[in-house]
Amino acid sequence: MFKGLGGFGDMGKMMKAAQEMQAKMAELQDSLARTVVIGEAGAGLVKARATAKGEVTGLDIDPSILVPSEKEVLEDLILAAIKDAQSRGLQRSAEEMRRLTEAMGLPADMKLPF
């Protein structure tokens, strides 16, 4: 169809590859939104659940640390657990993105806009 147009014949292939990449990226984003990671603090006394996209979805606090005089410690542990969960989510997201780019024949360290 594009014969005789020089390099424009590859344009169709490039557009198809871009559409495939866009579909795979959308699938990956959906998967990351469903993937749950758990961050911990205080040797597991406080746990935070988050998606691999970094959205915190829940907390689990061991009742043994619910002492009024330890309020600041508990607050610090909650924040640490949330940060740990978000960090793990970002790490998981980066790993999945690296797998996708490698599977598509792109450099593993290529930064995509997602």
C-alpha atoms as a PDB file:
ATOM      1  CA  MET A   1       0.000   0.000   0.000  1.00  0.00           C
ATOM      2  CA  PHE A   2       2.814   2.410   0.854  1.00  0.00           C
ATOM      3  CA  LYS A   3       5.300   1.107  -1.728  1.00  0.00           C
ATOM      4  CA  GLY A   4       7.114   3.803  -3.596  1.00  0.00           C
ATOM      5  CA  LEU A   5       6.773   6.297  -0.760  1.00  0.00           C
ATOM      6  CA  GLY A   6      10.277   5.825   0.598  1.00  0.00           C
ATOM      7  CA  GLY A   7      10.430   5.716   4.387  1.00  0.00           C
ATOM      8  CA  PHE A   8       6.713   6.360   4.775  1.00  0.00           C
ATOM      9  CA  GLY A   9       5.965   2.640   4.384  1.00  0.00           C
ATOM     10  CA  ASP A  10       7.347   2.118   7.871  1.00  0.00           C
ATOM     11  CA  MET A  11       5.031   4.779   9.259  1.00  0.00           C
ATOM     12  CA  GLY A  12       2.150   2.305   9.345  1.00  0.00           C
ATOM     13  CA  LYS A  13       4.268  -0.164  11.278  1.00  0.00           C
ATOM     14  CA  MET A  14       5.318   2.543  13.700  1.00  0.00           C
ATOM     15  CA  MET A  15       1.715   3.634  14.264  1.00  0.00           C
ATOM     16  CA  LYS A  16       0.643   0.042  14.893  1.00  0.00           C
ATOM     17  CA  ALA A  17       3.526  -0.464  17.342  1.00  0.00           C
ATOM     18  CA  ALA A  18       2.595   2.765  19.138  1.00  0.00           C
ATOM     19  CA  GLN A  19      -1.030   1.643  19.452  1.00  0.00           C
ATOM     20  CA  GLU A  20       0.087  -1.734  20.820  1.00  0.00           C
ATOM     21  CA  MET A  21       2.348  -0.005  23.337  1.00  0.00           C
ATOM     22  CA  GLN A  22      -0.496   2.279  24.397  1.00  0.00           C
ATOM     23  CA  ALA A  23      -2.791  -0.737  24.962  1.00  0.00           C
ATOM     24  CA  LYS A  24      -0.118  -2.570  26.951  1.00  0.00           C
ATOM     25  CA  MET A  25       0.552   0.537  29.053  1.00  0.00           C
ATOM     26  CA  ALA A  26      -3.158   0.835  29.845  1.00  0.00           C
ATOM     27  CA  GLU A  27      -3.237  -2.833  30.881  1.00  0.00           C
ATOM     28  CA  LEU A  28      -0.188  -2.297  33.079  1.00  0.00           C
ATOM     29  CA  GLN A  29      -1.727   0.762  34.743  1.00  0.00           C
ATOM     30  CA  ASP A  30      -4.893  -1.232  35.494  1.00  0.00           C
ATOM     31  CA  SER A  31      -2.811  -4.077  36.892  1.00  0.00           C
ATOM     32  CA  LEU A  32      -0.806  -1.721  39.116  1.00  0.00           C
ATOM     33  CA  ALA A  33      -4.017  -0.218  40.475  1.00  0.00           C
ATOM     34  CA  ARG A  34      -5.100  -3.726  41.546  1.00  0.00           C
ATOM     35  CA  THR A  35      -1.700  -4.825  42.903  1.00  0.00           C
ATOM     36  CA  VAL A  36      -1.475  -4.498  46.691  1.00  0.00           C
ATOM     37  CA  VAL A  37       1.779  -3.983  48.583  1.00  0.00           C
ATOM     38  CA  ILE A  38       2.206  -3.892  52.350  1.00  0.00           C
ATOM     39  CA  GLY A  39       4.538  -1.548  54.189  1.00  0.00           C
ATOM     40  CA  GLU A  40       5.543  -2.155  57.803  1.00  0.00           C
ATOM     41  CA  ALA A  41       6.925  -0.215  60.726  1.00  0.00           C
ATOM     42  CA  GLY A  42       7.784  -1.097  64.302  1.00  0.00           C
ATOM     43  CA  ALA A  43       8.669  -4.705  63.434  1.00  0.00           C
ATOM     44  CA  GLY A  44       5.211  -5.235  61.959  1.00  0.00           C
ATOM     45  CA  LEU A  45       3.220  -3.549  64.715  1.00  0.00           C
ATOM     46  CA  VAL A  46       1.857  -1.102  62.131  1.00  0.00           C
ATOM     47  CA  LYS A  47       1.123  -2.185  58.562  1.00  0.00           C
ATOM     48  CA  ALA A  48      -0.146  -0.081  55.681  1.00  0.00           C
ATOM     49  CA  ARG A  49      -1.708  -1.465  52.510  1.00  0.00           C
ATOM     50  CA  ALA A  50      -1.358   0.452  49.260  1.00  0.00           C
ATOM     51  CA  THR A  51      -1.711  -0.129  45.556  1.00  0.00           C
ATOM     52  CA  ALA A  52       1.407  -0.313  43.420  1.00  0.00           C
ATOM     53  CA  LYS A  53       0.387   3.159  42.230  1.00  0.00           C
ATOM     54  CA  GLY A  54       0.832   4.479  45.797  1.00  0.00           C
ATOM     55  CA  GLU A  55      -2.792   4.828  46.927  1.00  0.00           C
ATOM     56  CA  VAL A  56      -3.074   3.874  50.605  1.00  0.00           C
ATOM     57  CA  THR A  57      -6.026   1.504  51.065  1.00  0.00           C
ATOM     58  CA  GLY A  58      -5.787   0.413  54.696  1.00  0.00           C
ATOM     59  CA  LEU A  59      -3.974   0.262  58.011  1.00  0.00           C
ATOM     60  CA  ASP A  60      -3.497  -2.525  60.545  1.00  0.00           C
ATOM     61  CA  ILE A  61      -2.388  -1.494  64.026  1.00  0.00           C
ATOM     62  CA  ASP A  62      -1.497  -4.049  66.671  1.00  0.00           C
ATOM     63  CA  PRO A  63      -3.657  -3.246  69.738  1.00  0.00           C
ATOM     64  CA  SER A  64      -0.698  -3.680  72.080  1.00  0.00           C
ATOM     65  CA  ILE A  65       0.662  -0.277  71.061  1.00  0.00           C
ATOM     66  CA  LEU A  66      -2.565   1.645  71.663  1.00  0.00           C
ATOM     67  CA  VAL A  67      -1.319   3.357  74.801  1.00  0.00           C
ATOM     68  CA  PRO A  68      -2.318   7.036  75.185  1.00  0.00           C
ATOM     69  CA  SER A  69       1.124   8.032  76.423  1.00  0.00           C
ATOM     70  CA  GLU A  70       2.670   6.582  73.233  1.00  0.00           C
ATOM     71  CA  LYS A  71       0.534   8.658  70.845  1.00  0.00           C
ATOM     72  CA  GLU A  72       3.507  10.316  69.097  1.00  0.00           C
ATOM     73  CA  VAL A  73       5.276   6.977  68.646  1.00  0.00           C
ATOM     74  CA  LEU A  74       2.144   5.506  67.074  1.00  0.00           C
ATOM     75  CA  GLU A  75       1.790   8.486  64.730  1.00  0.00           C
ATOM     76  CA  ASP A  76       5.413   8.091  63.658  1.00  0.00           C
ATOM     77  CA  LEU A  77       4.934   4.364  63.058  1.00  0.00           C
ATOM     78  CA  ILE A  78       1.819   4.991  60.972  1.00  0.00           C
ATOM     79  CA  LEU A  79       3.643   7.502  58.803  1.00  0.00           C
ATOM     80  CA  ALA A  80       6.627   5.170  58.438  1.00  0.00           C
ATOM     81  CA  ALA A  81       4.372   2.270  57.407  1.00  0.00           C
ATOM     82  CA  ILE A  82       2.577   4.431  54.823  1.00  0.00           C
ATOM     83  CA  LYS A  83       5.868   5.670  53.388  1.00  0.00           C
ATOM     84  CA  ASP A  84       7.164   2.085  53.253  1.00  0.00           C
ATOM     85  CA  ALA A  85       4.026   0.910  51.425  1.00  0.00           C
ATOM     86  CA  GLN A  86       4.241   3.769  48.931  1.00  0.00           C
ATOM     87  CA  SER A  87       7.930   3.089  48.361  1.00  0.00           C
ATOM     88  CA  ARG A  88       7.238  -0.590  47.742  1.00  0.00           C
ATOM     89  CA  GLY A  89       4.445   0.383  45.354  1.00  0.00           C
ATOM     90  CA  LEU A  90       6.732   2.648  43.365  1.00  0.00           C
ATOM     91  CA  GLN A  91       9.387  -0.060  43.259  1.00  0.00           C
ATOM     92  CA  ARG A  92       6.861  -2.613  42.009  1.00  0.00           C
ATOM     93  CA  SER A  93       5.592  -0.160  39.406  1.00  0.00           C
ATOM     94  CA  ALA A  94       9.140   0.476  38.156  1.00  0.00           C
ATOM     95  CA  GLU A  95       9.824  -3.267  37.923  1.00  0.00           C
ATOM     96  CA  GLU A  96       6.653  -3.867  35.907  1.00  0.00           C
ATOM     97  CA  MET A  97       7.419  -0.924  33.622  1.00  0.00           C
ATOM     98  CA  ARG A  98      10.931  -2.270  33.042  1.00  0.00           C
ATOM     99  CA  ARG A  99       9.513  -5.685  32.107  1.00  0.00           C
ATOM    100  CA  LEU A 100       7.071  -4.106  29.684  1.00  0.00           C
ATOM    101  CA  THR A 101       9.662  -1.968  27.929  1.00  0.00           C
ATOM    102  CA  GLU A 102      12.050  -4.922  27.623  1.00  0.00           C
ATOM    103  CA  ALA A 103       9.270  -7.136  26.221  1.00  0.00           C
ATOM    104  CA  MET A 104       8.591  -4.496  23.584  1.00  0.00           C
ATOM    105  CA  GLY A 105      12.257  -4.340  22.601  1.00  0.00           C
ATOM    106  CA  LEU A 106      12.844  -0.935  24.169  1.00  0.00           C
ATOM    107  CA  PRO A 107      15.739  -0.083  26.490  1.00  0.00           C
ATOM    108  CA  ALA A 108      14.961  -1.244  30.037  1.00  0.00           C
ATOM    109  CA  ASP A 109      15.768   2.176  31.490  1.00  0.00           C
ATOM    110  CA  MET A 110      13.614   4.103  29.033  1.00  0.00           C
ATOM    111  CA  LYS A 111      11.445   6.587  30.880  1.00  0.00           C
ATOM    112  CA  LEU A 112       7.869   6.560  29.639  1.00  0.00           C
ATOM    113  CA  PRO A 113       5.351   9.254  30.600  1.00  0.00           C
ATOM    114  CA  PHE A 114       3.461   7.002  33.023  1.00  0.00           C
END
